[in-house]
C-alpha atoms as a PDB file:
ATOM      1  CA  MET A   1     116.962  91.597  70.276  1.00  0.00           C
ATOM      2  CA  THR A   2     118.741  94.718  69.271  1.00  0.00           C
ATOM      3  CA  LEU A   3     116.781  97.190  67.221  1.00  0.00           C
ATOM      4  CA  SER A   4     118.075  99.084  64.425  1.00  0.00           C
ATOM      5  CA  PRO A   5     117.958 103.264  64.789  1.00  0.00           C
ATOM      6  CA  GLU A   6     115.326 103.246  62.240  1.00  0.00           C
ATOM      7  CA  VAL A   7     113.057 100.830  64.228  1.00  0.00           C
ATOM      8  CA  ARG A   8     113.698 102.518  67.496  1.00  0.00           C
ATOM      9  CA  GLU A   9     112.472 105.794  65.667  1.00  0.00           C
ATOM     10  CA  GLN A  10     109.281 103.864  64.615  1.00  0.00           C
ATOM     11  CA  VAL A  11     108.608 102.498  67.901  1.00  0.00           C
ATOM     12  CA  ALA A  12     109.134 105.943  69.372  1.00  0.00           C
ATOM     13  CA  ALA A  13     106.519 107.695  66.936  1.00  0.00           C
ATOM     14  CA  GLU A  14     104.133 104.823  67.749  1.00  0.00           C
ATOM     15  CA  LEU A  15     104.516 105.331  71.294  1.00  0.00           C
ATOM     16  CA  LYS A  16     103.973 109.193  71.097  1.00  0.00           C
ATOM     17  CA  ARG A  17     100.857 108.399  68.863  1.00  0.00           C
ATOM     18  CA  PHE A  18      99.642 105.713  71.130  1.00  0.00           C
ATOM     19  CA  GLY A  19      99.965 107.942  74.206  1.00  0.00           C
ATOM     20  CA  ALA A  20      98.021 110.746  72.771  1.00  0.00           C
ATOM     21  CA  GLU A  21      95.426 108.581  71.886  1.00  0.00           C
ATOM     22  CA  LEU A  22      95.075 107.366  75.486  1.00  0.00           C
ATOM     23  CA  GLN A  23      94.410 110.725  76.483  1.00  0.00           C
ATOM     24  CA  LEU A  24      96.139 110.160  80.007  1.00  0.00           C
ATOM     25  CA  THR A  25      95.611 112.331  82.879  1.00  0.00           C
ATOM     26  CA  GLU A  26      98.932 113.667  84.282  1.00  0.00           C
ATOM     27  CA  ASP A  27      98.445 111.368  87.215  1.00  0.00           C
ATOM     28  CA  GLN A  28      98.199 108.494  84.866  1.00  0.00           C
ATOM     29  CA  LYS A  29     101.066 109.558  82.797  1.00  0.00           C
ATOM     30  CA  GLY A  30     103.351 109.263  86.069  1.00  0.00           C
ATOM     31  CA  LYS A  31     102.204 106.033  86.859  1.00  0.00           C
ATOM     32  CA  LEU A  32     102.655 104.389  83.653  1.00  0.00           C
ATOM     33  CA  GLN A  33     106.127 106.056  83.133  1.00  0.00           C
ATOM     34  CA  GLN A  34     107.064 104.599  86.774  1.00  0.00           C
ATOM     35  CA  PHE A  35     105.676 100.848  85.683  1.00  0.00           C
ATOM     36  CA  MET A  36     107.344 101.188  82.420  1.00  0.00           C
ATOM     37  CA  THR A  37     110.518 101.837  84.177  1.00  0.00           C
ATOM     38  CA  GLU A  38     110.289  99.155  86.792  1.00  0.00           C
ATOM     39  CA  ALA A  39     109.396  96.699  83.961  1.00  0.00           C
ATOM     40  CA  ARG A  40     112.457  97.902  82.055  1.00  0.00           C
ATOM     41  CA  ALA A  41     114.545  97.710  85.049  1.00  0.00           C
ATOM     42  CA  LYS A  42     113.375  94.304  85.963  1.00  0.00           C
ATOM     43  CA  VAL A  43     114.328  92.865  82.376  1.00  0.00           C
ATOM     44  CA  ALA A  44     117.956  94.646  82.593  1.00  0.00           C
ATOM     45  CA  ASP A  45     118.557  92.910  86.083  1.00  0.00           C
ATOM     46  CA  TYR A  46     117.541  89.810  84.245  1.00  0.00           C
ATOM     47  CA  ARG A  47     120.157  90.494  81.386  1.00  0.00           C
ATOM     48  CA  ALA A  48     122.853  91.335  83.850  1.00  0.00           C
ATOM     49  CA  ALA A  49     122.038  88.085  85.972  1.00  0.00           C
ATOM     50  CA  ASN A  50     122.005  85.834  82.735  1.00  0.00           C
ATOM     51  CA  PRO A  51     124.519  87.557  80.301  1.00  0.00           C
ATOM     52  CA  ASN A  52     124.284  84.343  78.258  1.00  0.00           C
ATOM     53  CA  ALA A  53     120.640  84.255  78.012  1.00  0.00           C
ATOM     54  CA  ALA A  54     118.903  83.485  74.641  1.00  0.00           C
ATOM     55  CA  ASN A  55     116.389  85.830  73.053  1.00  0.00           C
ATOM     56  CA  ALA A  56     113.448  83.394  73.890  1.00  0.00           C
ATOM     57  CA  ASP A  57     114.443  83.535  77.503  1.00  0.00           C
ATOM     58  CA  ILE A  58     114.587  87.267  77.644  1.00  0.00           C
ATOM     59  CA  ILE A  59     111.130  87.458  75.506  1.00  0.00           C
ATOM     60  CA  LYS A  60     109.706  85.315  78.438  1.00  0.00           C
ATOM     61  CA  GLU A  61     111.125  87.723  80.894  1.00  0.00           C
ATOM     62  CA  VAL A  62     109.428  90.681  78.955  1.00  0.00           C
ATOM     63  CA  VAL A  63     106.062  88.398  78.719  1.00  0.00           C
ATOM     64  CA  ALA A  64     105.979  87.966  82.420  1.00  0.00           C
ATOM     65  CA  ASN A  65     106.516  91.743  83.157  1.00  0.00           C
ATOM     66  CA  ARG A  66     103.954  92.606  80.531  1.00  0.00           C
ATOM     67  CA  GLU A  67     101.198  90.532  82.457  1.00  0.00           C
ATOM     68  CA  GLN A  68     102.335  92.256  85.455  1.00  0.00           C
ATOM     69  CA  LEU A  69     102.200  95.622  84.242  1.00  0.00           C
ATOM     70  CA  ARG A  70      98.764  95.043  82.759  1.00  0.00           C
ATOM     71  CA  GLN A  71      97.347  93.965  86.311  1.00  0.00           C
ATOM     72  CA  ARG A  72      98.698  97.304  87.565  1.00  0.00           C
ATOM     73  CA  LEU A  73      97.290  99.377  84.812  1.00  0.00           C
ATOM     74  CA  VAL A  74      93.765  97.874  85.589  1.00  0.00           C
ATOM     75  CA  ASN A  75      94.045  99.916  88.758  1.00  0.00           C
ATOM     76  CA  PHE A  76      94.000 103.298  87.250  1.00  0.00           C
ATOM     77  CA  LEU A  77      93.119 103.162  83.295  1.00  0.00           C
ATOM     78  CA  THR A  78      89.428 103.745  82.475  1.00  0.00           C
ATOM     79  CA  PRO A  79      87.855 100.727  80.773  1.00  0.00           C
ATOM     80  CA  GLU A  80      88.275 102.739  77.368  1.00  0.00           C
ATOM     81  CA  GLN A  81      91.974 103.251  77.802  1.00  0.00           C
ATOM     82  CA  LEU A  82      92.602  99.815  78.884  1.00  0.00           C
ATOM     83  CA  ASN A  83      90.761  98.580  75.588  1.00  0.00           C
ATOM     84  CA  LYS A  84      93.000 100.874  73.641  1.00  0.00           C
ATOM     85  CA  TRP A  85      95.989  99.556  75.546  1.00  0.00           C
ATOM     86  CA  ASP A  86      95.187  96.128  74.980  1.00  0.00           C
ATOM     87  CA  ALA A  87      94.767  96.531  71.320  1.00  0.00           C
ATOM     88  CA  GLU A  88      97.864  98.125  70.880  1.00  0.00           C
ATOM     89  CA  VAL A  89      99.954  95.627  72.830  1.00  0.00           C
ATOM     90  CA  SER A  90      98.405  93.250  70.153  1.00  0.00           C
ATOM     91  CA  LYS A  91      99.792  95.448  67.361  1.00  0.00           C
ATOM     92  CA  ALA A  92     103.171  95.591  69.145  1.00  0.00           C
ATOM     93  CA  LYS A  93     103.290  91.911  69.719  1.00  0.00           C
ATOM     94  CA  GLU A  94     102.898  91.532  65.900  1.00  0.00           C
ATOM     95  CA  PHE A  95     105.196  94.045  64.901  1.00  0.00           C
ATOM     96  CA  LEU A  96     107.991  92.659  67.248  1.00  0.00           C
ATOM     97  CA  GLY A  97     107.315  89.284  66.224  1.00  0.00           C
ATOM     98  CA  GLN A  98     108.016  90.192  62.789  1.00  0.00           C
ATOM     99  CA  LYS A  99     111.035  91.788  63.671  1.00  0.00           C
ATOM    100  CA  MET A 100     112.419  89.055  65.523  1.00  0.00           C
ATOM    101  CA  ALA A 101     111.463  86.483  62.580  1.00  0.00           C
ATOM    102  CA  ALA A 102     113.529  88.607  59.938  1.00  0.00           C
ATOM    103  CA  ALA A 103     116.412  88.788  62.260  1.00  0.00           C
ATOM    104  CA  ALA A 104     116.690  85.034  62.810  1.00  0.00           C
END
């Protein structure tokens, strides 16, 4: 799924807002950034290894990485931060689901 520049700007703005809302420590920010970079690399590797993969297959890969990321987050986010994370992930799933349905 390719996002338009406008949608990318919306996503970036939401990520900034959400990051501020979580009130992460510098250590937490570093860990989260590392984990997100690793997850993005896994998806990029999957796409490179499977250039003809359908969007549904790529989404399955993203979901698998998201579950792994959450397990790692449990180790360093506070319970309140984790609740906020889960709420935002639910919003993101809905947002991206709507964008994918519109593109289909």
